[in-house]
Amino acid sequence: WRSRLSTGVTIFSVPTAPANIQDSHIRSISVDLPPSTQLNYAELANITTLCSEAQINADACPASSKIGTVNAHVPLLPGASPNFTGDVFILSKTSGVTFGYIVRGPNGVKAQVRGWIQPVDTDGVGGSDRIRAYSENMPQAPFSPANISFTRPMVLNPVSCGSHPVKTTITGWSGASWTQTV
């Protein structure tokens, strides 16, 4: 017996991209989780407080809308520590999840980013066959590593045991893209 609940899932862990993307900075990250991975709609139903656009813009999301944490290493910004940290909040939930986060660094520097987790049909046979997590319009600053960890069990693991491929696509502001499947 194996539980399908996934807690503490790191959805985005940004690998080192090729130089042509690093030089332009990362614009978007898309991660296709393994086939038969599903959103945990039962857990989503338990989240009763959402963070509104006005609240996230004011950096005032309710604590009960927190669904994870984020951290990034931004080496070129001034300050004693190039580490940025923040909390991830749920903004909406329908057939997928919209989340937002604000990362804070030294000297009051901060950036706000949005992301989505949603079921997608990648095999073309109709119906969703996996979950895609993505974030776009990233701040134009070099960062590595960066991680978003969801502390709520938002994803159900594949039914079958064994290794399952995860596909990551990183696109730079230049338009260059890079894909890795592991």
N, C-alpha and C. Protein backbone atom coordinates (compact mmCIF):
# COMPACT_ATOMS: atom_id res chain seq x y z
N TRP A 1 0.85 -1.17 0.00
CA TRP A 1 0.00 0.00 0.00
C TRP A 1 0.89 1.23 0.00
N ARG A 2 0.51 2.22 -0.78
CA ARG A 2 1.28 3.45 -0.88
C ARG A 2 0.32 4.61 -0.96
N SER A 3 0.56 5.63 -0.17
CA SER A 3 -0.29 6.81 -0.19
C SER A 3 -0.07 7.61 -1.45
N ARG A 4 -1.15 8.15 -2.01
CA ARG A 4 -1.04 9.02 -3.18
C ARG A 4 -0.88 10.47 -2.77
N LEU A 5 -1.01 10.78 -1.47
CA LEU A 5 -0.88 12.17 -1.04
C LEU A 5 0.56 12.62 -1.12
N SER A 6 0.73 13.79 -1.63
CA SER A 6 2.05 14.37 -1.78
C SER A 6 2.11 15.63 -0.94
N THR A 7 2.96 15.65 0.06
CA THR A 7 3.12 16.86 0.86
C THR A 7 4.55 17.35 0.71
N GLY A 8 4.73 18.64 0.89
CA GLY A 8 6.06 19.20 0.79
C GLY A 8 6.64 19.07 -0.60
N VAL A 9 5.80 19.09 -1.61
CA VAL A 9 6.26 18.93 -2.98
C VAL A 9 6.95 20.20 -3.45
N THR A 10 8.15 20.05 -3.98
CA THR A 10 8.81 21.17 -4.61
C THR A 10 8.46 21.09 -6.09
N ILE A 11 7.57 21.97 -6.53
CA ILE A 11 7.11 21.94 -7.90
C ILE A 11 8.15 22.55 -8.84
N PHE A 12 8.65 23.72 -8.48
CA PHE A 12 9.66 24.37 -9.30
C PHE A 12 10.98 24.32 -8.58
N SER A 13 11.92 23.61 -9.11
CA SER A 13 13.29 23.69 -8.64
C SER A 13 14.08 23.97 -9.90
N VAL A 14 14.51 25.19 -10.05
CA VAL A 14 15.08 25.63 -11.31
C VAL A 14 16.48 25.06 -11.50
N PRO A 15 16.67 24.22 -12.52
CA PRO A 15 18.01 23.73 -12.81
C PRO A 15 18.83 24.83 -13.48
N THR A 16 20.11 24.61 -13.63
CA THR A 16 20.95 25.57 -14.33
C THR A 16 20.64 25.47 -15.81
N ALA A 17 20.18 26.55 -16.39
CA ALA A 17 19.83 26.59 -17.81
C ALA A 17 21.07 26.94 -18.63
N PRO A 18 21.03 26.66 -19.94
CA PRO A 18 22.14 27.02 -20.81
C PRO A 18 22.40 28.53 -20.79
N ALA A 19 23.61 28.92 -21.18
CA ALA A 19 24.04 30.32 -21.11
C ALA A 19 23.14 31.26 -21.90
N ASN A 20 22.61 30.82 -23.07
CA ASN A 20 21.78 31.73 -23.87
C ASN A 20 20.50 32.12 -23.15
N ILE A 21 20.03 31.29 -22.22
CA ILE A 21 18.85 31.64 -21.43
C ILE A 21 19.28 32.42 -20.19
N GLN A 22 20.35 31.98 -19.54
CA GLN A 22 20.83 32.69 -18.36
C GLN A 22 21.17 34.14 -18.70
N ASP A 23 21.80 34.36 -19.86
CA ASP A 23 22.20 35.71 -20.25
C ASP A 23 21.01 36.63 -20.43
N SER A 24 19.85 36.08 -20.81
CA SER A 24 18.68 36.93 -21.03
C SER A 24 17.77 36.95 -19.81
N HIS A 25 18.03 36.17 -18.83
CA HIS A 25 17.21 35.99 -17.64
C HIS A 25 15.98 35.16 -17.97
N ILE A 26 15.48 34.46 -16.99
CA ILE A 26 14.36 33.53 -17.19
C ILE A 26 13.05 34.29 -17.17
N ARG A 27 12.24 34.08 -18.23
CA ARG A 27 10.92 34.69 -18.30
C ARG A 27 9.84 33.76 -17.77
N SER A 28 9.92 32.47 -18.14
CA SER A 28 8.89 31.53 -17.69
C SER A 28 9.49 30.15 -17.42
N ILE A 29 8.81 29.44 -16.55
CA ILE A 29 9.18 28.07 -16.19
C ILE A 29 7.91 27.24 -16.26
N SER A 30 7.99 26.11 -16.96
CA SER A 30 6.86 25.20 -17.06
C SER A 30 7.33 23.81 -16.66
N VAL A 31 6.59 23.16 -15.76
CA VAL A 31 6.95 21.83 -15.29
C VAL A 31 5.76 20.90 -15.50
N ASP A 32 5.96 19.87 -16.33
CA ASP A 32 4.94 18.83 -16.51
C ASP A 32 5.25 17.69 -15.55
N LEU A 33 4.37 17.49 -14.57
CA LEU A 33 4.54 16.41 -13.61
C LEU A 33 4.22 15.08 -14.29
N PRO A 34 4.58 13.96 -13.69
CA PRO A 34 4.40 12.65 -14.34
C PRO A 34 2.95 12.36 -14.74
N PRO A 35 2.78 11.50 -15.77
CA PRO A 35 1.43 11.09 -16.15
C PRO A 35 0.67 10.52 -14.95
N SER A 36 -0.59 10.77 -14.91
CA SER A 36 -1.57 10.35 -13.88
C SER A 36 -1.41 11.11 -12.57
N THR A 37 -0.52 12.11 -12.51
CA THR A 37 -0.49 13.00 -11.35
C THR A 37 -1.76 13.84 -11.41
N GLN A 38 -2.38 14.06 -10.26
CA GLN A 38 -3.65 14.80 -10.24
C GLN A 38 -3.64 15.85 -9.15
N LEU A 39 -4.48 16.87 -9.33
CA LEU A 39 -4.70 17.83 -8.26
C LEU A 39 -5.49 17.14 -7.16
N ASN A 40 -5.22 17.50 -5.93
CA ASN A 40 -5.92 16.94 -4.78
C ASN A 40 -7.11 17.85 -4.48
N TYR A 41 -8.22 17.61 -5.17
CA TYR A 41 -9.40 18.47 -5.03
C TYR A 41 -9.98 18.43 -3.61
N ALA A 42 -9.81 17.32 -2.90
CA ALA A 42 -10.29 17.25 -1.52
C ALA A 42 -9.52 18.26 -0.65
N GLU A 43 -8.22 18.35 -0.84
CA GLU A 43 -7.42 19.31 -0.07
C GLU A 43 -7.76 20.74 -0.50
N LEU A 44 -7.95 20.96 -1.79
CA LEU A 44 -8.32 22.29 -2.26
C LEU A 44 -9.64 22.74 -1.63
N ALA A 45 -10.56 21.81 -1.45
CA ALA A 45 -11.85 22.16 -0.82
C ALA A 45 -11.66 22.59 0.63
N ASN A 46 -10.60 22.09 1.28
CA ASN A 46 -10.33 22.46 2.68
C ASN A 46 -9.73 23.85 2.82
N ILE A 47 -9.26 24.42 1.73
CA ILE A 47 -8.69 25.77 1.78
C ILE A 47 -9.84 26.74 1.56
N THR A 48 -10.29 27.37 2.62
CA THR A 48 -11.49 28.21 2.54
C THR A 48 -11.18 29.70 2.39
N THR A 49 -9.93 30.09 2.61
CA THR A 49 -9.56 31.50 2.50
C THR A 49 -8.63 31.70 1.33
N LEU A 50 -9.00 32.59 0.44
CA LEU A 50 -8.15 32.94 -0.70
C LEU A 50 -7.53 34.30 -0.45
N CYS A 51 -6.40 34.55 -1.08
CA CYS A 51 -5.79 35.88 -1.05
C CYS A 51 -6.28 36.63 -2.28
N SER A 52 -6.83 37.81 -2.10
CA SER A 52 -7.34 38.59 -3.22
C SER A 52 -6.20 39.33 -3.92
N GLU A 53 -6.49 39.81 -5.13
CA GLU A 53 -5.51 40.62 -5.86
C GLU A 53 -5.10 41.83 -5.04
N ALA A 54 -6.08 42.49 -4.42
CA ALA A 54 -5.78 43.68 -3.61
C ALA A 54 -4.88 43.31 -2.43
N GLN A 55 -5.14 42.16 -1.81
CA GLN A 55 -4.33 41.76 -0.66
C GLN A 55 -2.90 41.43 -1.05
N ILE A 56 -2.73 40.68 -2.16
CA ILE A 56 -1.35 40.35 -2.54
C ILE A 56 -0.62 41.60 -3.02
N ASN A 57 -1.33 42.50 -3.71
CA ASN A 57 -0.69 43.74 -4.14
C ASN A 57 -0.26 44.60 -2.96
N ALA A 58 -0.99 44.49 -1.85
CA ALA A 58 -0.66 45.24 -0.63
C ALA A 58 0.27 44.45 0.28
N ASP A 59 0.67 43.25 -0.17
CA ASP A 59 1.53 42.38 0.64
C ASP A 59 0.86 42.07 1.98
N ALA A 60 -0.46 41.73 1.92
CA ALA A 60 -1.26 41.52 3.13
C ALA A 60 -2.18 40.31 3.00
N CYS A 61 -1.68 39.20 2.49
CA CYS A 61 -2.51 38.00 2.35
C CYS A 61 -2.81 37.39 3.71
N PRO A 62 -4.02 36.85 3.88
CA PRO A 62 -4.35 36.16 5.14
C PRO A 62 -3.45 34.93 5.34
N ALA A 63 -3.03 34.71 6.55
CA ALA A 63 -2.15 33.57 6.85
C ALA A 63 -2.81 32.24 6.44
N SER A 64 -4.13 32.16 6.53
CA SER A 64 -4.83 30.91 6.20
C SER A 64 -4.85 30.63 4.69
N SER A 65 -4.40 31.58 3.87
CA SER A 65 -4.31 31.34 2.42
C SER A 65 -2.91 30.89 2.01
N LYS A 66 -2.01 30.74 2.98
CA LYS A 66 -0.64 30.31 2.69
C LYS A 66 -0.63 28.84 2.33
N ILE A 67 0.04 28.52 1.21
CA ILE A 67 0.13 27.13 0.76
C ILE A 67 1.57 26.67 0.56
N GLY A 68 2.54 27.54 0.82
CA GLY A 68 3.92 27.12 0.64
C GLY A 68 4.91 28.23 0.89
N THR A 69 6.15 27.94 0.51
CA THR A 69 7.24 28.89 0.65
C THR A 69 8.05 28.94 -0.64
N VAL A 70 8.80 30.01 -0.79
CA VAL A 70 9.65 30.19 -1.97
C VAL A 70 10.99 30.76 -1.53
N ASN A 71 12.05 30.37 -2.22
CA ASN A 71 13.35 30.97 -1.97
C ASN A 71 14.13 31.00 -3.27
N ALA A 72 14.97 32.01 -3.40
CA ALA A 72 15.80 32.16 -4.60
C ALA A 72 17.11 32.83 -4.20
N HIS A 73 18.14 32.47 -4.90
CA HIS A 73 19.46 33.07 -4.71
C HIS A 73 19.67 34.02 -5.89
N VAL A 74 19.78 35.32 -5.60
CA VAL A 74 19.95 36.36 -6.63
C VAL A 74 21.30 37.03 -6.37
N PRO A 75 22.36 36.52 -7.00
CA PRO A 75 23.71 36.94 -6.63
C PRO A 75 24.10 38.38 -6.99
N LEU A 76 23.46 39.01 -7.94
CA LEU A 76 23.92 40.32 -8.39
C LEU A 76 23.28 41.51 -7.70
N LEU A 77 22.32 41.26 -6.81
CA LEU A 77 21.69 42.38 -6.12
C LEU A 77 22.52 42.78 -4.90
N PRO A 78 22.53 44.07 -4.56
CA PRO A 78 23.34 44.52 -3.43
C PRO A 78 22.77 44.04 -2.10
N GLY A 79 23.64 43.95 -1.14
CA GLY A 79 23.21 43.54 0.20
C GLY A 79 24.10 42.45 0.74
N ALA A 80 23.98 42.24 2.03
CA ALA A 80 24.82 41.24 2.68
C ALA A 80 24.47 39.82 2.26
N SER A 81 23.20 39.57 1.96
CA SER A 81 22.76 38.24 1.58
C SER A 81 21.97 38.30 0.28
N PRO A 82 22.37 37.52 -0.71
CA PRO A 82 21.63 37.52 -1.98
C PRO A 82 20.43 36.58 -1.97
N ASN A 83 20.03 36.10 -0.78
CA ASN A 83 18.92 35.17 -0.69
C ASN A 83 17.59 35.89 -0.52
N PHE A 84 16.63 35.50 -1.33
CA PHE A 84 15.28 36.04 -1.28
C PHE A 84 14.36 34.93 -0.78
N THR A 85 13.43 35.27 0.10
CA THR A 85 12.48 34.29 0.62
C THR A 85 11.09 34.89 0.63
N GLY A 86 10.10 34.03 0.69
CA GLY A 86 8.73 34.51 0.79
C GLY A 86 7.76 33.37 0.98
N ASP A 87 6.49 33.71 1.07
CA ASP A 87 5.42 32.73 1.23
C ASP A 87 4.61 32.67 -0.06
N VAL A 88 4.02 31.50 -0.30
CA VAL A 88 3.17 31.27 -1.47
C VAL A 88 1.72 31.25 -0.98
N PHE A 89 0.85 32.01 -1.67
CA PHE A 89 -0.55 32.11 -1.28
C PHE A 89 -1.45 31.67 -2.42
N ILE A 90 -2.59 31.06 -2.08
CA ILE A 90 -3.55 30.65 -3.10
C ILE A 90 -4.45 31.85 -3.42
N LEU A 91 -4.55 32.14 -4.73
CA LEU A 91 -5.35 33.28 -5.18
C LEU A 91 -6.70 32.84 -5.73
N SER A 92 -6.72 31.70 -6.39
CA SER A 92 -8.00 31.19 -6.89
C SER A 92 -7.88 29.68 -7.08
N LYS A 93 -9.04 29.04 -7.11
CA LYS A 93 -9.09 27.60 -7.33
C LYS A 93 -10.38 27.27 -8.07
N THR A 94 -10.22 26.74 -9.23
CA THR A 94 -11.36 26.27 -10.02
C THR A 94 -10.96 24.90 -10.54
N SER A 95 -10.74 24.76 -11.84
CA SER A 95 -10.23 23.49 -12.35
C SER A 95 -8.73 23.37 -12.10
N GLY A 96 -8.10 24.47 -11.74
CA GLY A 96 -6.68 24.51 -11.39
C GLY A 96 -6.49 25.46 -10.23
N VAL A 97 -5.24 25.82 -9.99
CA VAL A 97 -4.90 26.70 -8.87
C VAL A 97 -4.07 27.86 -9.40
N THR A 98 -4.41 29.07 -8.98
CA THR A 98 -3.56 30.23 -9.23
C THR A 98 -2.93 30.60 -7.90
N PHE A 99 -1.61 30.75 -7.92
CA PHE A 99 -0.92 31.13 -6.71
C PHE A 99 -0.07 32.36 -6.98
N GLY A 100 0.26 33.06 -5.93
CA GLY A 100 1.12 34.23 -6.04
C GLY A 100 2.08 34.26 -4.88
N TYR A 101 3.20 34.92 -5.10
CA TYR A 101 4.16 35.05 -4.02
C TYR A 101 4.95 36.34 -4.18
N ILE A 102 5.44 36.80 -3.06
CA ILE A 102 6.32 37.97 -3.02
C ILE A 102 7.60 37.51 -2.35
N VAL A 103 8.72 37.64 -3.08
CA VAL A 103 10.01 37.31 -2.47
C VAL A 103 10.66 38.59 -2.01
N ARG A 104 11.29 38.50 -0.84
CA ARG A 104 11.92 39.67 -0.23
C ARG A 104 13.40 39.41 -0.06
N GLY A 105 14.19 40.44 -0.40
CA GLY A 105 15.63 40.34 -0.26
C GLY A 105 16.19 41.48 0.55
N PRO A 106 17.47 41.71 0.43
CA PRO A 106 18.12 42.77 1.21
C PRO A 106 17.68 44.16 0.76
N ASN A 107 17.82 45.11 1.66
CA ASN A 107 17.56 46.53 1.37
C ASN A 107 16.14 46.81 0.88
N GLY A 108 15.16 46.01 1.33
CA GLY A 108 13.77 46.25 0.95
C GLY A 108 13.40 45.85 -0.47
N VAL A 109 14.30 45.17 -1.18
CA VAL A 109 14.01 44.73 -2.55
C VAL A 109 13.01 43.58 -2.49
N LYS A 110 11.97 43.66 -3.33
CA LYS A 110 11.01 42.56 -3.39
C LYS A 110 10.44 42.45 -4.79
N ALA A 111 9.93 41.27 -5.10
CA ALA A 111 9.32 41.01 -6.40
C ALA A 111 8.09 40.15 -6.20
N GLN A 112 7.06 40.41 -7.01
CA GLN A 112 5.81 39.66 -6.94
C GLN A 112 5.67 38.83 -8.21
N VAL A 113 5.28 37.58 -8.06
CA VAL A 113 5.17 36.66 -9.19
C VAL A 113 3.89 35.84 -9.04
N ARG A 114 3.31 35.43 -10.16
CA ARG A 114 2.13 34.56 -10.19
C ARG A 114 2.50 33.22 -10.83
N GLY A 115 1.75 32.21 -10.47
CA GLY A 115 1.94 30.90 -11.08
C GLY A 115 0.62 30.15 -11.11
N TRP A 116 0.61 29.04 -11.83
CA TRP A 116 -0.60 28.25 -12.01
C TRP A 116 -0.24 26.78 -11.94
N ILE A 117 -1.18 26.00 -11.43
CA ILE A 117 -1.10 24.54 -11.47
C ILE A 117 -2.41 24.08 -12.06
N GLN A 118 -2.35 23.34 -13.16
CA GLN A 118 -3.61 22.92 -13.77
C GLN A 118 -3.45 21.60 -14.51
N PRO A 119 -4.56 20.86 -14.62
CA PRO A 119 -4.55 19.63 -15.41
C PRO A 119 -4.43 19.98 -16.90
N VAL A 120 -3.66 19.18 -17.64
CA VAL A 120 -3.49 19.41 -19.08
C VAL A 120 -3.56 18.08 -19.83
N ASP A 121 -3.91 18.19 -21.10
CA ASP A 121 -3.93 17.04 -22.02
C ASP A 121 -2.68 17.15 -22.88
N THR A 122 -1.66 16.34 -22.56
CA THR A 122 -0.42 16.39 -23.32
C THR A 122 -0.30 15.26 -24.34
N ASP A 123 -1.19 14.26 -24.24
CA ASP A 123 -1.10 13.14 -25.18
C ASP A 123 -2.12 13.23 -26.32
N GLY A 124 -2.99 14.24 -26.27
CA GLY A 124 -3.92 14.48 -27.37
C GLY A 124 -5.10 13.54 -27.46
N VAL A 125 -5.35 12.74 -26.43
CA VAL A 125 -6.47 11.80 -26.50
C VAL A 125 -7.71 12.33 -25.78
N GLY A 126 -7.65 13.54 -25.28
CA GLY A 126 -8.80 14.11 -24.57
C GLY A 126 -8.72 13.85 -23.09
N GLY A 127 -9.11 14.81 -22.31
CA GLY A 127 -9.03 14.69 -20.85
C GLY A 127 -7.61 14.96 -20.38
N SER A 128 -7.49 15.33 -19.13
CA SER A 128 -6.15 15.63 -18.61
C SER A 128 -5.41 14.34 -18.28
N ASP A 129 -4.13 14.33 -18.60
CA ASP A 129 -3.31 13.16 -18.31
C ASP A 129 -2.16 13.48 -17.36
N ARG A 130 -2.01 14.75 -17.00
CA ARG A 130 -0.97 15.15 -16.05
C ARG A 130 -1.25 16.56 -15.56
N ILE A 131 -0.41 17.02 -14.65
CA ILE A 131 -0.52 18.35 -14.09
C ILE A 131 0.65 19.19 -14.63
N ARG A 132 0.35 20.42 -14.99
CA ARG A 132 1.40 21.36 -15.40
C ARG A 132 1.42 22.50 -14.40
N ALA A 133 2.61 22.81 -13.93
CA ALA A 133 2.82 23.96 -13.05
C ALA A 133 3.68 24.94 -13.83
N TYR A 134 3.29 26.20 -13.81
CA TYR A 134 4.11 27.17 -14.53
C TYR A 134 4.00 28.54 -13.89
N SER A 135 5.03 29.31 -14.17
CA SER A 135 5.10 30.67 -13.69
C SER A 135 5.72 31.48 -14.82
N GLU A 136 5.20 32.68 -15.05
CA GLU A 136 5.72 33.48 -16.15
C GLU A 136 5.91 34.93 -15.73
N ASN A 137 6.57 35.67 -16.60
CA ASN A 137 6.90 37.07 -16.33
C ASN A 137 7.72 37.20 -15.06
N MET A 138 8.73 36.35 -14.96
CA MET A 138 9.64 36.39 -13.82
C MET A 138 10.42 37.70 -13.84
N PRO A 139 10.87 38.19 -12.69
CA PRO A 139 11.68 39.41 -12.66
C PRO A 139 12.95 39.23 -13.49
N GLN A 140 13.36 40.27 -14.15
CA GLN A 140 14.55 40.19 -15.01
C GLN A 140 15.81 40.36 -14.18
N ALA A 141 16.13 39.31 -13.45
CA ALA A 141 17.34 39.25 -12.64
C ALA A 141 17.81 37.80 -12.65
N PRO A 142 19.12 37.57 -12.67
CA PRO A 142 19.60 36.19 -12.64
C PRO A 142 19.33 35.56 -11.27
N PHE A 143 18.90 34.31 -11.27
CA PHE A 143 18.72 33.61 -10.01
C PHE A 143 19.01 32.14 -10.21
N SER A 144 19.58 31.53 -9.21
CA SER A 144 19.83 30.10 -9.22
C SER A 144 20.46 29.76 -7.88
N PRO A 145 19.99 28.81 -7.16
CA PRO A 145 18.76 28.07 -7.42
C PRO A 145 17.54 28.83 -6.94
N ALA A 146 16.38 28.33 -7.36
CA ALA A 146 15.10 28.86 -6.91
C ALA A 146 14.17 27.67 -6.67
N ASN A 147 13.41 27.73 -5.60
CA ASN A 147 12.50 26.63 -5.26
C ASN A 147 11.17 27.17 -4.76
N ILE A 148 10.09 26.54 -5.21
CA ILE A 148 8.77 26.78 -4.65
C ILE A 148 8.34 25.45 -4.03
N SER A 149 8.07 25.46 -2.74
CA SER A 149 7.64 24.24 -2.06
C SER A 149 6.23 24.44 -1.54
N PHE A 150 5.35 23.51 -1.90
CA PHE A 150 3.97 23.56 -1.42
C PHE A 150 3.88 22.74 -0.15
N THR A 151 3.44 23.37 0.92
CA THR A 151 3.36 22.71 2.22
C THR A 151 2.01 22.05 2.46
N ARG A 152 1.07 22.27 1.57
CA ARG A 152 -0.23 21.59 1.64
C ARG A 152 -0.19 20.43 0.63
N PRO A 153 -0.87 19.31 0.89
CA PRO A 153 -0.87 18.18 -0.04
C PRO A 153 -1.77 18.46 -1.25
N MET A 154 -1.29 19.27 -2.17
CA MET A 154 -2.09 19.76 -3.30
C MET A 154 -2.08 18.82 -4.50
N VAL A 155 -1.16 17.86 -4.50
CA VAL A 155 -0.99 16.99 -5.67
C VAL A 155 -1.08 15.54 -5.23
N LEU A 156 -1.75 14.74 -6.03
CA LEU A 156 -1.80 13.29 -5.80
C LEU A 156 -0.77 12.64 -6.71
N ASN A 157 0.06 11.79 -6.14
CA ASN A 157 1.10 11.10 -6.90
C ASN A 157 0.49 10.14 -7.92
N PRO A 158 1.28 9.72 -8.93
CA PRO A 158 0.79 8.70 -9.87
C PRO A 158 0.40 7.43 -9.13
N VAL A 159 -0.54 6.69 -9.71
CA VAL A 159 -1.03 5.46 -9.09
C VAL A 159 0.04 4.38 -9.09
N SER A 160 0.81 4.28 -10.16
CA SER A 160 1.82 3.22 -10.27
C SER A 160 3.12 3.61 -9.58
N CYS A 161 3.81 2.59 -9.07
CA CYS A 161 5.11 2.81 -8.43
C CYS A 161 6.19 2.90 -9.51
N GLY A 162 7.35 3.33 -9.11
CA GLY A 162 8.48 3.40 -10.04
C GLY A 162 8.84 4.84 -10.36
N SER A 163 9.78 4.98 -11.27
CA SER A 163 10.21 6.33 -11.65
C SER A 163 9.26 6.88 -12.72
N HIS A 164 9.06 8.19 -12.67
CA HIS A 164 8.15 8.85 -13.59
C HIS A 164 8.83 10.12 -14.11
N PRO A 165 8.78 10.36 -15.41
CA PRO A 165 9.48 11.53 -15.98
C PRO A 165 8.80 12.85 -15.63
N VAL A 166 9.63 13.85 -15.41
CA VAL A 166 9.18 15.22 -15.20
C VAL A 166 9.85 16.07 -16.27
N LYS A 167 9.07 16.85 -16.99
CA LYS A 167 9.59 17.68 -18.08
C LYS A 167 9.58 19.14 -17.64
N THR A 168 10.73 19.79 -17.73
CA THR A 168 10.86 21.20 -17.37
C THR A 168 11.25 21.98 -18.61
N THR A 169 10.54 23.07 -18.87
CA THR A 169 10.88 23.97 -19.97
C THR A 169 11.11 25.36 -19.38
N ILE A 170 12.27 25.91 -19.69
CA ILE A 170 12.63 27.25 -19.23
C ILE A 170 12.78 28.12 -20.47
N THR A 171 12.13 29.28 -20.45
CA THR A 171 12.20 30.22 -21.56
C THR A 171 12.76 31.54 -21.05
N GLY A 172 13.72 32.07 -21.78
CA GLY A 172 14.33 33.33 -21.41
C GLY A 172 13.58 34.51 -22.00
N TRP A 173 13.86 35.70 -21.50
CA TRP A 173 13.26 36.92 -22.04
C TRP A 173 13.68 37.13 -23.49
N SER A 174 14.76 36.49 -23.94
CA SER A 174 15.22 36.60 -25.33
C SER A 174 14.35 35.76 -26.27
N GLY A 175 13.56 34.84 -25.69
CA GLY A 175 12.76 33.93 -26.50
C GLY A 175 13.41 32.55 -26.62
N ALA A 176 14.67 32.42 -26.26
CA ALA A 176 15.33 31.11 -26.29
C ALA A 176 14.71 30.22 -25.23
N SER A 177 14.60 28.92 -25.55
CA SER A 177 14.04 28.01 -24.55
C SER A 177 14.90 26.75 -24.46
N TRP A 178 14.72 26.05 -23.36
CA TRP A 178 15.48 24.85 -23.07
C TRP A 178 14.55 23.89 -22.35
N THR A 179 14.57 22.62 -22.73
CA THR A 179 13.72 21.61 -22.12
C THR A 179 14.58 20.45 -21.63
N GLN A 180 14.23 19.98 -20.45
CA GLN A 180 14.92 18.83 -19.86
C GLN A 180 13.86 17.88 -19.30
N THR A 181 14.02 16.59 -19.59
CA THR A 181 13.14 15.57 -19.02
C THR A 181 13.99 14.65 -18.17
N VAL A 182 13.62 14.51 -16.92
CA VAL A 182 14.36 13.61 -16.01
C VAL A 182 13.37 12.72 -15.29
